[in-house]
PDB file of all heavy atoms in Angstrom:
ATOM      1  N   PRO A   1     114.797  12.862-105.281  1.00  0.00           N
ATOM      2  CA  PRO A   1     114.318  13.099-106.648  1.00  0.00           C
ATOM      3  C   PRO A   1     115.136  14.170-107.375  1.00  0.00           C
ATOM      4  O   PRO A   1     115.413  14.047-108.572  1.00  0.00           O
ATOM      5  CB  PRO A   1     112.869  13.543-106.454  1.00  0.00           C
ATOM      6  CG  PRO A   1     112.462  12.939-105.150  1.00  0.00           C
ATOM      7  CD  PRO A   1     113.709  12.982-104.298  1.00  0.00           C
ATOM      8  N   HIS A   2     115.542  15.213-106.649  1.00  0.00           N
ATOM      9  CA  HIS A   2     116.352  16.266-107.275  1.00  0.00           C
ATOM     10  C   HIS A   2     117.730  15.723-107.652  1.00  0.00           C
ATOM     11  O   HIS A   2     118.222  15.946-108.766  1.00  0.00           O
ATOM     12  CB  HIS A   2     116.496  17.456-106.325  1.00  0.00           C
ATOM     13  CG  HIS A   2     117.147  18.643-106.956  1.00  0.00           C
ATOM     14  ND1 HIS A   2     116.470  19.784-107.260  1.00  0.00           N
ATOM     15  CD2 HIS A   2     118.419  18.855-107.355  1.00  0.00           C
ATOM     16  CE1 HIS A   2     117.293  20.659-107.817  1.00  0.00           C
ATOM     17  NE2 HIS A   2     118.491  20.109-107.877  1.00  0.00           N
ATOM     18  N   ARG A   3     118.357  15.000-106.720  1.00  0.00           N
ATOM     19  CA  ARG A   3     119.684  14.431-107.001  1.00  0.00           C
ATOM     20  C   ARG A   3     119.623  13.451-108.168  1.00  0.00           C
ATOM     21  O   ARG A   3     120.532  13.405-108.990  1.00  0.00           O
ATOM     22  CB  ARG A   3     120.240  13.742-105.752  1.00  0.00           C
ATOM     23  CG  ARG A   3     120.640  14.707-104.648  1.00  0.00           C
ATOM     24  CD  ARG A   3     121.423  14.014-103.533  1.00  0.00           C
ATOM     25  NE  ARG A   3     120.846  12.759-103.074  1.00  0.00           N
ATOM     26  CZ  ARG A   3     119.973  12.649-102.077  1.00  0.00           C
ATOM     27  NH1 ARG A   3     119.552  13.714-101.439  1.00  0.00           N
ATOM     28  NH2 ARG A   3     119.509  11.470-101.726  1.00  0.00           N
ATOM     29  N   ASP A   4     118.542  12.658-108.237  1.00  0.00           N
ATOM     30  CA  ASP A   4     118.402  11.696-109.340  1.00  0.00           C
ATOM     31  C   ASP A   4     118.203  12.412-110.681  1.00  0.00           C
ATOM     32  O   ASP A   4     118.753  11.996-111.696  1.00  0.00           O
ATOM     33  CB  ASP A   4     117.220  10.754-109.090  1.00  0.00           C
ATOM     34  CG  ASP A   4     117.482   9.773-107.958  1.00  0.00           C
ATOM     35  OD1 ASP A   4     118.655   9.643-107.522  1.00  0.00           O
ATOM     36  OD2 ASP A   4     116.506   9.159-107.484  1.00  0.00           O
ATOM     37  N   ALA A   5     117.429  13.479-110.679  1.00  0.00           N
ATOM     38  CA  ALA A   5     117.154  14.211-111.924  1.00  0.00           C
ATOM     39  C   ALA A   5     118.352  15.036-112.384  1.00  0.00           C
ATOM     40  O   ALA A   5     118.524  15.273-113.579  1.00  0.00           O
ATOM     41  CB  ALA A   5     115.938  15.114-111.736  1.00  0.00           C
ATOM     42  N   PHE A   6     119.166  15.485-111.431  1.00  0.00           N
ATOM     43  CA  PHE A   6     120.315  16.333-111.755  1.00  0.00           C
ATOM     44  C   PHE A   6     121.567  15.723-111.122  1.00  0.00           C
ATOM     45  O   PHE A   6     121.946  16.086-110.007  1.00  0.00           O
ATOM     46  CB  PHE A   6     120.093  17.760-111.241  1.00  0.00           C
ATOM     47  CG  PHE A   6     118.861  18.403-111.811  1.00  0.00           C
ATOM     48  CD1 PHE A   6     117.669  18.396-111.094  1.00  0.00           C
ATOM     49  CD2 PHE A   6     118.884  18.985-113.069  1.00  0.00           C
ATOM     50  CE1 PHE A   6     116.528  18.976-111.620  1.00  0.00           C
ATOM     51  CE2 PHE A   6     117.751  19.564-113.602  1.00  0.00           C
ATOM     52  CZ  PHE A   6     116.563  19.560-112.887  1.00  0.00           C
ATOM     53  N   PRO A   7     122.200  14.794-111.817  1.00  0.00           N
ATOM     54  CA  PRO A   7     123.353  14.078-111.253  1.00  0.00           C
ATOM     55  C   PRO A   7     124.481  14.992-110.762  1.00  0.00           C
ATOM     56  O   PRO A   7     125.217  14.630-109.854  1.00  0.00           O
ATOM     57  CB  PRO A   7     123.830  13.199-112.406  1.00  0.00           C
ATOM     58  CG  PRO A   7     122.612  13.005-113.248  1.00  0.00           C
ATOM     59  CD  PRO A   7     121.847  14.291-113.136  1.00  0.00           C
ATOM     60  N   SER A   8     124.599  16.171-111.322  1.00  0.00           N
ATOM     61  CA  SER A   8     125.676  17.078-110.891  1.00  0.00           C
ATOM     62  C   SER A   8     125.462  17.595-109.463  1.00  0.00           C
ATOM     63  O   SER A   8     126.346  18.223-108.892  1.00  0.00           O
ATOM     64  CB  SER A   8     125.800  18.256-111.854  1.00  0.00           C
ATOM     65  OG  SER A   8     124.616  19.036-111.819  1.00  0.00           O
ATOM     66  N   THR A   9     124.282  17.312-108.884  1.00  0.00           N
ATOM     67  CA  THR A   9     123.989  17.787-107.525  1.00  0.00           C
ATOM     68  C   THR A   9     124.203  16.695-106.473  1.00  0.00           C
ATOM     69  O   THR A   9     123.805  16.860-105.323  1.00  0.00           O
ATOM     70  CB  THR A   9     122.539  18.310-107.423  1.00  0.00           C
ATOM     71  OG1 THR A   9     121.625  17.227-107.648  1.00  0.00           O
ATOM     72  CG2 THR A   9     122.277  19.429-108.409  1.00  0.00           C
ATOM     73  N   GLN A  10     124.832  15.596-106.850  1.00  0.00           N
ATOM     74  CA  GLN A  10     124.994  14.456-105.941  1.00  0.00           C
ATOM     75  C   GLN A  10     125.795  14.785-104.689  1.00  0.00           C
ATOM     76  O   GLN A  10     125.504  14.293-103.617  1.00  0.00           O
ATOM     77  CB  GLN A  10     125.675  13.290-106.663  1.00  0.00           C
ATOM     78  CG  GLN A  10     124.835  12.653-107.731  1.00  0.00           C
ATOM     79  CD  GLN A  10     123.594  11.974-107.176  1.00  0.00           C
ATOM     80  OE1 GLN A  10     123.606  11.377-106.113  1.00  0.00           O
ATOM     81  NE2 GLN A  10     122.501  12.064-107.905  1.00  0.00           N
ATOM     82  N   HIS A  11     126.802  15.625-104.798  1.00  0.00           N
ATOM     83  CA  HIS A  11     127.713  15.839-103.668  1.00  0.00           C
ATOM     84  C   HIS A  11     127.507  17.204-103.017  1.00  0.00           C
ATOM     85  O   HIS A  11     127.491  18.225-103.681  1.00  0.00           O
ATOM     86  CB  HIS A  11     129.168  15.715-104.139  1.00  0.00           C
ATOM     87  CG  HIS A  11     130.132  15.845-103.007  1.00  0.00           C
ATOM     88  ND1 HIS A  11     130.802  17.010-102.735  1.00  0.00           N
ATOM     89  CD2 HIS A  11     130.523  14.954-102.059  1.00  0.00           C
ATOM     90  CE1 HIS A  11     131.564  16.832-101.676  1.00  0.00           C
ATOM     91  NE2 HIS A  11     131.417  15.597-101.251  1.00  0.00           N
ATOM     92  N   SER A  12     127.338  17.162-101.701  1.00  0.00           N
ATOM     93  CA  SER A  12     127.268  18.409-100.940  1.00  0.00           C
ATOM     94  C   SER A  12     127.925  18.201 -99.591  1.00  0.00           C
ATOM     95  O   SER A  12     128.095  17.063 -99.137  1.00  0.00           O
ATOM     96  CB  SER A  12     125.820  18.885-100.772  1.00  0.00           C
ATOM     97  OG  SER A  12     125.094  17.985 -99.995  1.00  0.00           O
ATOM     98  N   VAL A  13     128.316  19.288 -98.961  1.00  0.00           N
ATOM     99  CA  VAL A  13     128.897  19.233 -97.624  1.00  0.00           C
ATOM    100  C   VAL A  13     128.114  20.167 -96.722  1.00  0.00           C
ATOM    101  O   VAL A  13     127.562  21.173 -97.172  1.00  0.00           O
ATOM    102  CB  VAL A  13     130.399  19.621 -97.615  1.00  0.00           C
ATOM    103  CG1 VAL A  13     131.225  18.614 -98.381  1.00  0.00           C
ATOM    104  CG2 VAL A  13     130.611  21.008 -98.158  1.00  0.00           C
ATOM    105  N   GLU A  14     128.031  19.801 -95.450  1.00  0.00           N
ATOM    106  CA  GLU A  14     127.353  20.655 -94.476  1.00  0.00           C
ATOM    107  C   GLU A  14     128.347  21.680 -93.949  1.00  0.00           C
ATOM    108  O   GLU A  14     129.507  21.353 -93.689  1.00  0.00           O
ATOM    109  CB  GLU A  14     126.789  19.823 -93.336  1.00  0.00           C
ATOM    110  CG  GLU A  14     125.637  18.952 -93.768  1.00  0.00           C
ATOM    111  CD  GLU A  14     125.001  18.204 -92.616  1.00  0.00           C
ATOM    112  OE1 GLU A  14     125.505  18.303 -91.474  1.00  0.00           O
ATOM    113  OE2 GLU A  14     124.006  17.513 -92.855  1.00  0.00           O
ATOM    114  N   GLU A  15     127.856  22.908 -93.836  1.00  0.00           N
ATOM    115  CA  GLU A  15     128.706  24.004 -93.389  1.00  0.00           C
ATOM    116  C   GLU A  15     127.920  24.845 -92.395  1.00  0.00           C
ATOM    117  O   GLU A  15     126.759  25.160 -92.630  1.00  0.00           O
ATOM    118  CB  GLU A  15     129.065  24.832 -94.620  1.00  0.00           C
ATOM    119  CG  GLU A  15     130.162  25.804 -94.444  1.00  0.00           C
ATOM    120  CD  GLU A  15     130.544  26.412 -95.785  1.00  0.00           C
ATOM    121  OE1 GLU A  15     131.130  25.698 -96.622  1.00  0.00           O
ATOM    122  OE2 GLU A  15     130.240  27.591 -95.979  1.00  0.00           O
ATOM    123  N   SER A  16     128.539  25.190 -91.288  1.00  0.00           N
ATOM    124  CA  SER A  16     127.876  26.040 -90.297  1.00  0.00           C
ATOM    125  C   SER A  16     127.873  27.484 -90.775  1.00  0.00           C
ATOM    126  O   SER A  16     128.902  27.984 -91.224  1.00  0.00           O
ATOM    127  CB  SER A  16     128.632  25.984 -88.968  1.00  0.00           C
ATOM    128  OG  SER A  16     127.994  25.138 -88.086  1.00  0.00           O
ATOM    129  N   ILE A  17     126.705  28.132 -90.686  1.00  0.00           N
ATOM    130  CA  ILE A  17     126.591  29.533 -91.086  1.00  0.00           C
ATOM    131  C   ILE A  17     125.858  30.303 -89.989  1.00  0.00           C
ATOM    132  O   ILE A  17     125.199  29.720 -89.136  1.00  0.00           O
ATOM    133  CB  ILE A  17     125.847  29.700 -92.425  1.00  0.00           C
ATOM    134  CG1 ILE A  17     124.417  29.168 -92.318  1.00  0.00           C
ATOM    135  CG2 ILE A  17     126.611  29.027 -93.565  1.00  0.00           C
ATOM    136  CD1 ILE A  17     123.519  29.582 -93.448  1.00  0.00           C
ATOM    137  N   THR A  18     125.972  31.607 -90.042  1.00  0.00           N
ATOM    138  CA  THR A  18     125.234  32.478 -89.139  1.00  0.00           C
ATOM    139  C   THR A  18     124.078  33.075 -89.918  1.00  0.00           C
ATOM    140  O   THR A  18     124.262  33.587 -91.022  1.00  0.00           O
ATOM    141  CB  THR A  18     126.144  33.600 -88.610  1.00  0.00           C
ATOM    142  OG1 THR A  18     127.226  32.991 -87.915  1.00  0.00           O
ATOM    143  CG2 THR A  18     125.390  34.517 -87.670  1.00  0.00           C
ATOM    144  N   SER A  19     122.907  33.015 -89.347  1.00  0.00           N
ATOM    145  CA  SER A  19     121.715  33.561 -89.987  1.00  0.00           C
ATOM    146  C   SER A  19     121.344  34.878 -89.304  1.00  0.00           C
ATOM    147  O   SER A  19     121.374  34.975 -88.081  1.00  0.00           O
ATOM    148  CB  SER A  19     120.564  32.561 -89.838  1.00  0.00           C
ATOM    149  OG  SER A  19     119.356  33.113 -90.308  1.00  0.00           O
ATOM    150  N   VAL A  20     121.019  35.888 -90.114  1.00  0.00           N
ATOM    151  CA  VAL A  20     120.573  37.176 -89.581  1.00  0.00           C
ATOM    152  C   VAL A  20     119.261  37.559 -90.249  1.00  0.00           C
ATOM    153  O   VAL A  20     118.957  37.100 -91.347  1.00  0.00           O
ATOM    154  CB  VAL A  20     121.617  38.301 -89.786  1.00  0.00           C
ATOM    155  CG1 VAL A  20     122.903  38.006 -89.042  1.00  0.00           C
ATOM    156  CG2 VAL A  20     121.881  38.541 -91.252  1.00  0.00           C
ATOM    157  N   HIS A  21     118.483  38.387 -89.582  1.00  0.00           N
ATOM    158  CA  HIS A  21     117.237  38.886 -90.152  1.00  0.00           C
ATOM    159  C   HIS A  21     117.580  39.740 -91.377  1.00  0.00           C
ATOM    160  O   HIS A  21     118.540  40.497 -91.362  1.00  0.00           O
ATOM    161  CB  HIS A  21     116.485  39.718 -89.104  1.00  0.00           C
ATOM    162  CG  HIS A  21     115.111  40.118 -89.525  1.00  0.00           C
ATOM    163  ND1 HIS A  21     114.881  41.223 -90.293  1.00  0.00           N
ATOM    164  CD2 HIS A  21     113.905  39.545 -89.303  1.00  0.00           C
ATOM    165  CE1 HIS A  21     113.585  41.337 -90.521  1.00  0.00           C
ATOM    166  NE2 HIS A  21     112.975  40.321 -89.929  1.00  0.00           N
ATOM    167  N   TRP A  22     116.794  39.615 -92.426  1.00  0.00           N
ATOM    168  CA  TRP A  22     117.119  40.301 -93.674  1.00  0.00           C
ATOM    169  C   TRP A  22     117.150  41.818 -93.525  1.00  0.00           C
ATOM    170  O   TRP A  22     117.873  42.506 -94.231  1.00  0.00           O
ATOM    171  CB  TRP A  22     116.191  39.868 -94.802  1.00  0.00           C
ATOM    172  CG  TRP A  22     114.776  40.321 -94.687  1.00  0.00           C
ATOM    173  CD1 TRP A  22     113.844  39.875 -93.815  1.00  0.00           C
ATOM    174  CD2 TRP A  22     114.147  41.310 -95.468  1.00  0.00           C
ATOM    175  NE1 TRP A  22     112.665  40.519 -94.016  1.00  0.00           N
ATOM    176  CE2 TRP A  22     112.809  41.406 -95.037  1.00  0.00           C
ATOM    177  CE3 TRP A  22     114.556  42.128 -96.523  1.00  0.00           C
ATOM    178  CZ2 TRP A  22     111.906  42.279 -95.583  1.00  0.00           C
ATOM    179  CZ3 TRP A  22     113.642  42.993 -97.087  1.00  0.00           C
ATOM    180  CH2 TRP A  22     112.337  43.069 -96.609  1.00  0.00           C
ATOM    181  N   MET A  23     116.424  42.363 -92.550  1.00  0.00           N
ATOM    182  CA  MET A  23     116.462  43.809 -92.334  1.00  0.00           C
ATOM    183  C   MET A  23     117.839  44.250 -91.833  1.00  0.00           C
ATOM    184  O   MET A  23     118.236  45.386 -92.045  1.00  0.00           O
ATOM    185  CB  MET A  23     115.380  44.232 -91.334  1.00  0.00           C
ATOM    186  CG  MET A  23     113.970  44.156 -91.898  1.00  0.00           C
ATOM    187  SD  MET A  23     113.708  45.311 -93.247  1.00  0.00           S
ATOM    188  CE  MET A  23     113.776  46.859 -92.357  1.00  0.00           C
ATOM    189  N   GLU A  24     118.554  43.353 -91.165  1.00  0.00           N
ATOM    190  CA  GLU A  24     119.910  43.685 -90.723  1.00  0.00           C
ATOM    191  C   GLU A  24     120.847  43.826 -91.917  1.00  0.00           C
ATOM    192  O   GLU A  24     121.842  44.543 -91.843  1.00  0.00           O
ATOM    193  CB  GLU A  24     120.432  42.631 -89.754  1.00  0.00           C
ATOM    194  CG  GLU A  24     119.678  42.605 -88.438  1.00  0.00           C
ATOM    195  CD  GLU A  24     120.132  41.476 -87.532  1.00  0.00           C
ATOM    196  OE1 GLU A  24     121.350  41.221 -87.461  1.00  0.00           O
ATOM    197  OE2 GLU A  24     119.269  40.859 -86.903  1.00  0.00           O
ATOM    198  N   CYS A  25     120.538  43.141 -92.997  1.00  0.00           N
ATOM    199  CA  CYS A  25     121.357  43.239 -94.211  1.00  0.00           C
ATOM    200  C   CYS A  25     120.955  44.449 -95.056  1.00  0.00           C
ATOM    201  O   CYS A  25     121.804  45.165 -95.566  1.00  0.00           O
ATOM    202  CB  CYS A  25     121.206  41.981 -95.057  1.00  0.00           C
ATOM    203  SG  CYS A  25     121.792  40.500 -94.253  1.00  0.00           S
ATOM    204  N   ALA A  26     119.660  44.659 -95.204  1.00  0.00           N
ATOM    205  CA  ALA A  26     119.156  45.716 -96.081  1.00  0.00           C
ATOM    206  C   ALA A  26     119.103  47.070 -95.386  1.00  0.00           C
ATOM    207  O   ALA A  26     119.318  48.112 -96.008  1.00  0.00           O
ATOM    208  CB  ALA A  26     117.773  45.339 -96.600  1.00  0.00           C
ATOM    209  N   GLY A  27     118.778  47.032 -94.097  1.00  0.00           N
ATOM    210  CA  GLY A  27     118.746  48.263 -93.302  1.00  0.00           C
ATOM    211  C   GLY A  27     117.932  49.376 -93.915  1.00  0.00           C
ATOM    212  O   GLY A  27     116.812  49.173 -94.367  1.00  0.00           O
ATOM    213  N   ASP A  28     118.517  50.545 -93.982  1.00  0.00           N
ATOM    214  CA  ASP A  28     117.790  51.737 -94.442  1.00  0.00           C
ATOM    215  C   ASP A  28     117.649  51.805 -95.952  1.00  0.00           C
ATOM    216  O   ASP A  28     117.092  52.756 -96.482  1.00  0.00           O
ATOM    217  CB  ASP A  28     118.446  53.002 -93.900  1.00  0.00           C
ATOM    218  CG  ASP A  28     119.884  53.161 -94.368  1.00  0.00           C
ATOM    219  OD1 ASP A  28     120.409  52.239 -95.021  1.00  0.00           O
ATOM    220  OD2 ASP A  28     120.476  54.218 -94.064  1.00  0.00           O
ATOM    221  N   GLN A  29     118.155  50.817 -96.682  1.00  0.00           N
ATOM    222  CA  GLN A  29     117.997  50.815 -98.135  1.00  0.00           C
ATOM    223  C   GLN A  29     116.565  50.486 -98.541  1.00  0.00           C
ATOM    224  O   GLN A  29     116.163  50.753 -99.658  1.00  0.00           O
ATOM    225  CB  GLN A  29     118.957  49.816 -98.772  1.00  0.00           C
ATOM    226  CG  GLN A  29     120.413  50.178 -98.568  1.00  0.00           C
ATOM    227  CD  GLN A  29     121.316  49.132 -99.168  1.00  0.00           C
ATOM    228  OE1 GLN A  29     121.060  48.611-100.236  1.00  0.00           O
ATOM    229  NE2 GLN A  29     122.393  48.812 -98.460  1.00  0.00           N
ATOM    230  N   LEU A  30     115.815  49.866 -97.623  1.00  0.00           N
ATOM    231  CA  LEU A  30     114.430  49.524 -97.922  1.00  0.00           C
ATOM    232  C   LEU A  30     113.525  50.658 -97.473  1.00  0.00           C
ATOM    233  O   LEU A  30     113.383  50.933 -96.298  1.00  0.00           O
ATOM    234  CB  LEU A  30     114.033  48.219 -97.223  1.00  0.00           C
ATOM    235  CG  LEU A  30     114.708  46.982 -97.769  1.00  0.00           C
ATOM    236  CD1 LEU A  30     114.255  45.758 -96.999  1.00  0.00           C
ATOM    237  CD2 LEU A  30     114.418  46.810 -99.247  1.00  0.00           C
ATOM    238  N   ARG A  31     112.962  51.321 -98.430  1.00  0.00           N
ATOM    239  CA  ARG A  31     112.034  52.412 -98.164  1.00  0.00           C
ATOM    240  C   ARG A  31     110.888  52.264 -99.139  1.00  0.00           C
ATOM    241  O   ARG A  31     110.970  51.457-100.065  1.00  0.00           O
ATOM    242  CB  ARG A  31     112.749  53.749 -98.285  1.00  0.00           C
ATOM    243  CG  ARG A  31     113.441  53.957 -99.604  1.00  0.00           C
ATOM    244  CD  ARG A  31     114.409  55.144 -99.567  1.00  0.00           C
ATOM    245  NE  ARG A  31     115.088  55.290-100.823  1.00  0.00           N
ATOM    246  CZ  ARG A  31     116.114  54.541-101.239  1.00  0.00           C
ATOM    247  NH1 ARG A  31     116.577  53.591-100.489  1.00  0.00           N
ATOM    248  NH2 ARG A  31     116.658  54.732-102.407  1.00  0.00           N
ATOM    249  N   PRO A  32     109.798  52.981 -98.961  1.00  0.00           N
ATOM    250  CA  PRO A  32     108.653  52.829 -99.876  1.00  0.00           C
ATOM    251  C   PRO A  32     109.084  52.927-101.337  1.00  0.00           C
ATOM    252  O   PRO A  32     109.884  53.788-101.706  1.00  0.00           O
ATOM    253  CB  PRO A  32     107.737  53.980 -99.476  1.00  0.00           C
ATOM    254  CG  PRO A  32     108.062  54.230 -98.032  1.00  0.00           C
ATOM    255  CD  PRO A  32     109.544  53.974 -97.919  1.00  0.00           C
ATOM    256  N   GLY A  33     108.582  51.998-102.127  1.00  0.00           N
ATOM    257  CA  GLY A  33     108.871  51.992-103.560  1.00  0.00           C
ATOM    258  C   GLY A  33     110.080  51.161-103.958  1.00  0.00           C
ATOM    259  O   GLY A  33     110.382  51.027-105.134  1.00  0.00           O
ATOM    260  N   VAL A  34     110.783  50.580-102.993  1.00  0.00           N
ATOM    261  CA  VAL A  34     111.947  49.741-103.294  1.00  0.00           C
ATOM    262  C   VAL A  34     111.492  48.288-103.298  1.00  0.00           C
ATOM    263  O   VAL A  34     110.775  47.851-102.403  1.00  0.00           O
ATOM    264  CB  VAL A  34     113.068  49.954-102.249  1.00  0.00           C
ATOM    265  CG1 VAL A  34     114.175  48.931-102.431  1.00  0.00           C
ATOM    266  CG2 VAL A  34     113.621  51.360-102.355  1.00  0.00           C
ATOM    267  N   LEU A  35     111.893  47.551-104.322  1.00  0.00           N
ATOM    268  CA  LEU A  35     111.528  46.143-104.442  1.00  0.00           C
ATOM    269  C   LEU A  35     112.687  45.280-103.963  1.00  0.00           C
ATOM    270  O   LEU A  35     113.822  45.471-104.385  1.00  0.00           O
ATOM    271  CB  LEU A  35     111.221  45.799-105.904  1.00  0.00           C
ATOM    272  CG  LEU A  35     110.989  44.322-106.219  1.00  0.00           C
ATOM    273  CD1 LEU A  35     109.710  43.824-105.557  1.00  0.00           C
ATOM    274  CD2 LEU A  35     110.947  44.106-107.718  1.00  0.00           C
ATOM    275  N   ALA A  36     112.409  44.371-103.066  1.00  0.00           N
ATOM    276  CA  ALA A  36     113.408  43.406-102.612  1.00  0.00           C
ATOM    277  C   ALA A  36     112.964  42.030-103.081  1.00  0.00           C
ATOM    278  O   ALA A  36     111.845  41.609-102.810  1.00  0.00           O
ATOM    279  CB  ALA A  36     113.534  43.432-101.096  1.00  0.00           C
ATOM    280  N   LYS A  37     113.822  41.347-103.813  1.00  0.00           N
ATOM    281  CA  LYS A  37     113.517  40.003-104.295  1.00  0.00           C
ATOM    282  C   LYS A  37     114.321  39.005-103.467  1.00  0.00           C
ATOM    283  O   LYS A  37     115.494  39.211-103.223  1.00  0.00           O
ATOM    284  CB  LYS A  37     113.907  39.863-105.764  1.00  0.00           C
ATOM    285  CG  LYS A  37     113.626  38.473-106.308  1.00  0.00           C
ATOM    286  CD  LYS A  37     114.176  38.342-107.716  1.00  0.00           C
ATOM    287  CE  LYS A  37     113.879  36.991-108.307  1.00  0.00           C
ATOM    288  NZ  LYS A  37     114.497  35.870-107.635  1.00  0.00           N
ATOM    289  N   ILE A  38     113.646  37.949-103.029  1.00  0.00           N
ATOM    290  CA  ILE A  38     114.361  36.910-102.301  1.00  0.00           C
ATOM    291  C   ILE A  38     114.366  35.637-103.135  1.00  0.00           C
ATOM    292  O   ILE A  38     113.387  35.289-103.782  1.00  0.00           O
ATOM    293  CB  ILE A  38     113.759  36.642-100.896  1.00  0.00           C
ATOM    294  CG1 ILE A  38     112.298  36.211-101.005  1.00  0.00           C
ATOM    295  CG2 ILE A  38     113.907  37.844-100.007  1.00  0.00           C
ATOM    296  CD1 ILE A  38     111.721  35.715 -99.705  1.00  0.00           C
ATOM    297  N   ASP A  39     115.491  34.963-103.144  1.00  0.00           N
ATOM    298  CA  ASP A  39     115.632  33.683-103.828  1.00  0.00           C
ATOM    299  C   ASP A  39     116.503  32.833-102.925  1.00  0.00           C
ATOM    300  O   ASP A  39     117.722  32.953-102.923  1.00  0.00           O
ATOM    301  CB  ASP A  39     116.285  33.875-105.196  1.00  0.00           C
ATOM    302  CG  ASP A  39     116.366  32.574-105.969  1.00  0.00           C
ATOM    303  OD1 ASP A  39     115.939  31.524-105.436  1.00  0.00           O
ATOM    304  OD2 ASP A  39     116.868  32.585-107.103  1.00  0.00           O
ATOM    305  N   VAL A  40     115.856  32.041-102.105  1.00  0.00           N
ATOM    306  CA  VAL A  40     116.570  31.326-101.051  1.00  0.00           C
ATOM    307  C   VAL A  40     116.365  29.810-101.122  1.00  0.00           C
ATOM    308  O   VAL A  40     116.336  29.129-100.104  1.00  0.00           O
ATOM    309  CB  VAL A  40     116.195  31.888 -99.657  1.00  0.00           C
ATOM    310  CG1 VAL A  40     116.780  33.267 -99.461  1.00  0.00           C
ATOM    311  CG2 VAL A  40     114.688  31.920 -99.454  1.00  0.00           C
ATOM    312  N   GLN A  41     116.243  29.308-102.351  1.00  0.00           N
ATOM    313  CA  GLN A  41     116.228  27.864-102.576  1.00  0.00           C
ATOM    314  C   GLN A  41     115.230  27.108-101.725  1.00  0.00           C
ATOM    315  O   GLN A  41     115.574  26.177-101.018  1.00  0.00           O
ATOM    316  CB  GLN A  41     117.624  27.288-102.361  1.00  0.00           C
ATOM    317  CG  GLN A  41     118.701  27.862-103.259  1.00  0.00           C
ATOM    318  CD  GLN A  41     118.420  27.680-104.716  1.00  0.00           C
ATOM    319  OE1 GLN A  41     117.885  28.578-105.339  1.00  0.00           O
ATOM    320  NE2 GLN A  41     118.741  26.547-105.275  1.00  0.00           N
ATOM    321  N   GLY A  42     113.971  27.509-101.751  1.00  0.00           N
ATOM    322  CA  GLY A  42     112.930  26.786-101.033  1.00  0.00           C
ATOM    323  C   GLY A  42     112.726  27.228 -99.598  1.00  0.00           C
ATOM    324  O   GLY A  42     111.845  26.727 -98.914  1.00  0.00           O
ATOM    325  N   TYR A  43     113.507  28.184 -99.121  1.00  0.00           N
ATOM    326  CA  TYR A  43     113.430  28.625 -97.731  1.00  0.00           C
ATOM    327  C   TYR A  43     112.602  29.907 -97.588  1.00  0.00           C
ATOM    328  O   TYR A  43     112.608  30.559 -96.549  1.00  0.00           O
ATOM    329  CB  TYR A  43     114.861  28.838 -97.206  1.00  0.00           C
ATOM    330  CG  TYR A  43     115.010  28.620 -95.725  1.00  0.00           C
ATOM    331  CD1 TYR A  43     114.856  27.360 -95.155  1.00  0.00           C
ATOM    332  CD2 TYR A  43     115.309  29.680 -94.893  1.00  0.00           C
ATOM    333  CE1 TYR A  43     115.003  27.172 -93.791  1.00  0.00           C
ATOM    334  CE2 TYR A  43     115.453  29.502 -93.523  1.00  0.00           C
ATOM    335  CZ  TYR A  43     115.293  28.243 -92.984  1.00  0.00           C
ATOM    336  OH  TYR A  43     115.433  28.060 -91.638  1.00  0.00           O
TER     337      TYR A  43
END
């Protein structure tokens, strides 16, 4: 349905990636009062 509604999304390729826990990326930057927004395309 998404591909049909948005023809520009017809082509994609599979790519191997490494996944890490988000705390490994943010580390000590996350402390009380800090807002972290996630936008991970349905994930």
